[in-house]
Amino acid sequence: MILSENEVPAIVKFIRMSPHKVRRVLDQIRGRSYREALIILEFMPYRACEPILKLLRSAAANAEHNNGFDRANLVVSQAYADMGSSLKRFRPRAQGRAYQILKPTCSITITVKPMEES
């Protein structure tokens, strides 16, 4: 992750969710303003919206507290999800066998920056 001087990241790891399902939501908020992204996440019906909403609020709080940026002028510059480690579980099957079940986790990164004045 390469950041410019005015970009502020927030990262959450080991979310018990498939990164494929998280990316579906992140694609909707990438490039939008902070307030617009909040509204979109509030009304989307997906389970992935809750941790993303918390992470977006954390990124805005980081920008406000650490860099002194105004929340009203923030825009989501980067938003992506990477594969984490998988929890391995076993399901008993017939004749003493067992099938492996993989429960995926993911890492979500959201980066915000102030809007350019034009």
C-alpha atoms as a PDB file:
ATOM      1  CA  MET A   1       0.000   0.000   0.000  1.00  0.00           C
ATOM      2  CA  ILE A   2       1.572   3.258  -1.169  1.00  0.00           C
ATOM      3  CA  LEU A   3       0.130   6.343   0.493  1.00  0.00           C
ATOM      4  CA  SER A   4       0.563   9.988  -0.325  1.00  0.00           C
ATOM      5  CA  GLU A   5       1.198  12.422   2.523  1.00  0.00           C
ATOM      6  CA  ASN A   6      -2.472  13.333   3.013  1.00  0.00           C
ATOM      7  CA  GLU A   7      -4.001   9.835   2.870  1.00  0.00           C
ATOM      8  CA  VAL A   8      -5.077   8.240   6.144  1.00  0.00           C
ATOM      9  CA  PRO A   9      -5.622   4.451   6.345  1.00  0.00           C
ATOM     10  CA  ALA A  10      -7.639   2.196   8.624  1.00  0.00           C
ATOM     11  CA  ILE A  11      -7.166  -1.586   8.575  1.00  0.00           C
ATOM     12  CA  VAL A  12      -9.114  -4.436  10.128  1.00  0.00           C
ATOM     13  CA  LYS A  13      -7.882  -8.019   9.985  1.00  0.00           C
ATOM     14  CA  PHE A  14      -9.351 -11.486  10.457  1.00  0.00           C
ATOM     15  CA  ILE A  15     -12.964 -10.606   9.655  1.00  0.00           C
ATOM     16  CA  ARG A  16     -14.853 -13.912   9.399  1.00  0.00           C
ATOM     17  CA  MET A  17     -16.183 -13.281   5.919  1.00  0.00           C
ATOM     18  CA  SER A  18     -15.242 -14.114   2.359  1.00  0.00           C
ATOM     19  CA  PRO A  19     -13.204 -11.359   0.654  1.00  0.00           C
ATOM     20  CA  HIS A  20     -15.284 -11.890  -2.488  1.00  0.00           C
ATOM     21  CA  LYS A  21     -18.435 -10.798  -0.623  1.00  0.00           C
ATOM     22  CA  VAL A  22     -16.654  -7.837   0.973  1.00  0.00           C
ATOM     23  CA  ARG A  23     -15.322  -6.579  -2.381  1.00  0.00           C
ATOM     24  CA  ARG A  24     -18.888  -6.409  -3.695  1.00  0.00           C
ATOM     25  CA  VAL A  25     -19.609  -3.706  -1.099  1.00  0.00           C
ATOM     26  CA  LEU A  26     -16.236  -1.928  -1.314  1.00  0.00           C
ATOM     27  CA  ASP A  27     -16.686  -1.406  -5.063  1.00  0.00           C
ATOM     28  CA  GLN A  28     -19.776   0.693  -4.307  1.00  0.00           C
ATOM     29  CA  ILE A  29     -18.041   3.169  -1.960  1.00  0.00           C
ATOM     30  CA  ARG A  30     -14.624   3.565  -3.603  1.00  0.00           C
ATOM     31  CA  GLY A  31     -14.159   7.149  -4.842  1.00  0.00           C
ATOM     32  CA  ARG A  32     -17.218   8.529  -3.045  1.00  0.00           C
ATOM     33  CA  SER A  33     -17.376  11.206  -0.381  1.00  0.00           C
ATOM     34  CA  TYR A  34     -17.418  10.168   3.277  1.00  0.00           C
ATOM     35  CA  ARG A  35     -21.059  11.151   3.824  1.00  0.00           C
ATOM     36  CA  GLU A  36     -22.223   9.497   0.613  1.00  0.00           C
ATOM     37  CA  ALA A  37     -20.393   6.279   1.539  1.00  0.00           C
ATOM     38  CA  LEU A  38     -22.045   6.303   4.993  1.00  0.00           C
ATOM     39  CA  ILE A  39     -25.501   6.588   3.438  1.00  0.00           C
ATOM     40  CA  ILE A  40     -24.800   3.794   0.944  1.00  0.00           C
ATOM     41  CA  LEU A  41     -23.536   1.456   3.676  1.00  0.00           C
ATOM     42  CA  GLU A  42     -26.484   2.194   5.971  1.00  0.00           C
ATOM     43  CA  PHE A  43     -29.022   1.041   3.395  1.00  0.00           C
ATOM     44  CA  MET A  44     -27.247  -1.853   1.663  1.00  0.00           C
ATOM     45  CA  PRO A  45     -28.667  -5.237   2.735  1.00  0.00           C
ATOM     46  CA  TYR A  46     -25.358  -7.130   2.965  1.00  0.00           C
ATOM     47  CA  ARG A  47     -23.749  -8.507   6.132  1.00  0.00           C
ATOM     48  CA  ALA A  48     -20.375  -7.114   5.017  1.00  0.00           C
ATOM     49  CA  CYS A  49     -21.655  -3.549   5.459  1.00  0.00           C
ATOM     50  CA  GLU A  50     -21.394  -3.580   9.261  1.00  0.00           C
ATOM     51  CA  PRO A  51     -17.601  -4.082   9.604  1.00  0.00           C
ATOM     52  CA  ILE A  52     -16.982  -1.792   6.613  1.00  0.00           C
ATOM     53  CA  LEU A  53     -19.115   0.941   8.196  1.00  0.00           C
ATOM     54  CA  LYS A  54     -17.173   0.668  11.456  1.00  0.00           C
ATOM     55  CA  LEU A  55     -13.889   0.776   9.547  1.00  0.00           C
ATOM     56  CA  LEU A  56     -14.942   3.827   7.520  1.00  0.00           C
ATOM     57  CA  ARG A  57     -15.844   5.676  10.721  1.00  0.00           C
ATOM     58  CA  SER A  58     -12.478   4.673  12.183  1.00  0.00           C
ATOM     59  CA  ALA A  59     -10.628   6.004   9.129  1.00  0.00           C
ATOM     60  CA  ALA A  60     -12.496   9.315   9.412  1.00  0.00           C
ATOM     61  CA  ALA A  61     -11.686   9.511  13.132  1.00  0.00           C
ATOM     62  CA  ASN A  62      -8.012   8.812  12.351  1.00  0.00           C
ATOM     63  CA  ALA A  63      -8.002  11.593   9.760  1.00  0.00           C
ATOM     64  CA  GLU A  64      -9.664  14.036  12.140  1.00  0.00           C
ATOM     65  CA  HIS A  65      -7.592  13.215  15.228  1.00  0.00           C
ATOM     66  CA  ASN A  66      -4.155  12.507  13.742  1.00  0.00           C
ATOM     67  CA  ASN A  67      -4.093  14.913  10.786  1.00  0.00           C
ATOM     68  CA  GLY A  68      -6.715  17.544  11.657  1.00  0.00           C
ATOM     69  CA  PHE A  69      -8.831  16.949   8.526  1.00  0.00           C
ATOM     70  CA  ASP A  70     -12.531  17.810   8.446  1.00  0.00           C
ATOM     71  CA  ARG A  71     -14.843  14.798   8.095  1.00  0.00           C
ATOM     72  CA  ALA A  72     -17.150  16.686   5.732  1.00  0.00           C
ATOM     73  CA  ASN A  73     -14.355  17.056   3.161  1.00  0.00           C
ATOM     74  CA  LEU A  74     -13.106  13.458   3.129  1.00  0.00           C
ATOM     75  CA  VAL A  75     -13.302  11.102   0.162  1.00  0.00           C
ATOM     76  CA  VAL A  76     -12.660   7.329   0.064  1.00  0.00           C
ATOM     77  CA  SER A  77      -9.491   7.075  -2.021  1.00  0.00           C
ATOM     78  CA  GLN A  78      -8.706   3.357  -1.613  1.00  0.00           C
ATOM     79  CA  ALA A  79     -10.831   0.441  -0.464  1.00  0.00           C
ATOM     80  CA  TYR A  80      -9.807  -3.176  -0.872  1.00  0.00           C
ATOM     81  CA  ALA A  81     -10.086  -6.599   0.766  1.00  0.00           C
ATOM     82  CA  ASP A  82      -7.379  -9.249   0.849  1.00  0.00           C
ATOM     83  CA  MET A  83      -7.585 -12.932   1.726  1.00  0.00           C
ATOM     84  CA  GLY A  84      -6.665 -13.819   5.292  1.00  0.00           C
ATOM     85  CA  SER A  85      -5.961 -17.192   6.824  1.00  0.00           C
ATOM     86  CA  SER A  86      -8.747 -19.781   6.752  1.00  0.00           C
ATOM     87  CA  LEU A  87     -10.179 -21.537   9.776  1.00  0.00           C
ATOM     88  CA  LYS A  88     -10.073 -25.277   9.178  1.00  0.00           C
ATOM     89  CA  ARG A  89     -12.950 -27.392  10.470  1.00  0.00           C
ATOM     90  CA  PHE A  90     -13.974 -31.006   9.831  1.00  0.00           C
ATOM     91  CA  ARG A  91     -17.369 -32.519   9.113  1.00  0.00           C
ATOM     92  CA  PRO A  92     -17.805 -36.187  10.034  1.00  0.00           C
ATOM     93  CA  ARG A  93     -18.811 -38.411   7.135  1.00  0.00           C
ATOM     94  CA  ALA A  94     -19.685 -42.061   6.695  1.00  0.00           C
ATOM     95  CA  GLN A  95     -17.287 -44.915   7.495  1.00  0.00           C
ATOM     96  CA  GLY A  96     -14.982 -42.841   9.696  1.00  0.00           C
ATOM     97  CA  ARG A  97     -14.083 -40.270   7.085  1.00  0.00           C
ATOM     98  CA  ALA A  98     -14.050 -36.507   7.520  1.00  0.00           C
ATOM     99  CA  TYR A  99     -14.411 -33.684   5.015  1.00  0.00           C
ATOM    100  CA  GLN A 100     -12.523 -30.462   5.545  1.00  0.00           C
ATOM    101  CA  ILE A 101     -14.466 -27.204   5.772  1.00  0.00           C
ATOM    102  CA  LEU A 102     -12.574 -23.953   5.147  1.00  0.00           C
ATOM    103  CA  LYS A 103     -14.000 -20.848   6.792  1.00  0.00           C
ATOM    104  CA  PRO A 104     -12.379 -17.841   5.092  1.00  0.00           C
ATOM    105  CA  THR A 105     -11.259 -14.608   6.740  1.00  0.00           C
ATOM    106  CA  CYS A 106     -10.247 -11.328   5.149  1.00  0.00           C
ATOM    107  CA  SER A 107      -8.389  -8.093   5.812  1.00  0.00           C
ATOM    108  CA  ILE A 108     -10.108  -4.850   4.838  1.00  0.00           C
ATOM    109  CA  THR A 109      -8.254  -1.584   4.196  1.00  0.00           C
ATOM    110  CA  ILE A 110      -9.936   1.782   3.677  1.00  0.00           C
ATOM    111  CA  THR A 111      -7.966   4.954   2.965  1.00  0.00           C
ATOM    112  CA  VAL A 112      -9.476   8.438   3.072  1.00  0.00           C
ATOM    113  CA  LYS A 113      -8.074  11.762   1.923  1.00  0.00           C
ATOM    114  CA  PRO A 114      -9.384  15.334   1.760  1.00  0.00           C
ATOM    115  CA  MET A 115     -11.157  16.458  -1.411  1.00  0.00           C
ATOM    116  CA  GLU A 116      -9.167  18.527  -3.873  1.00  0.00           C
ATOM    117  CA  GLU A 117     -10.397  22.096  -4.126  1.00  0.00           C
ATOM    118  CA  SER A 118     -11.181  22.985  -7.737  1.00  0.00           C
END
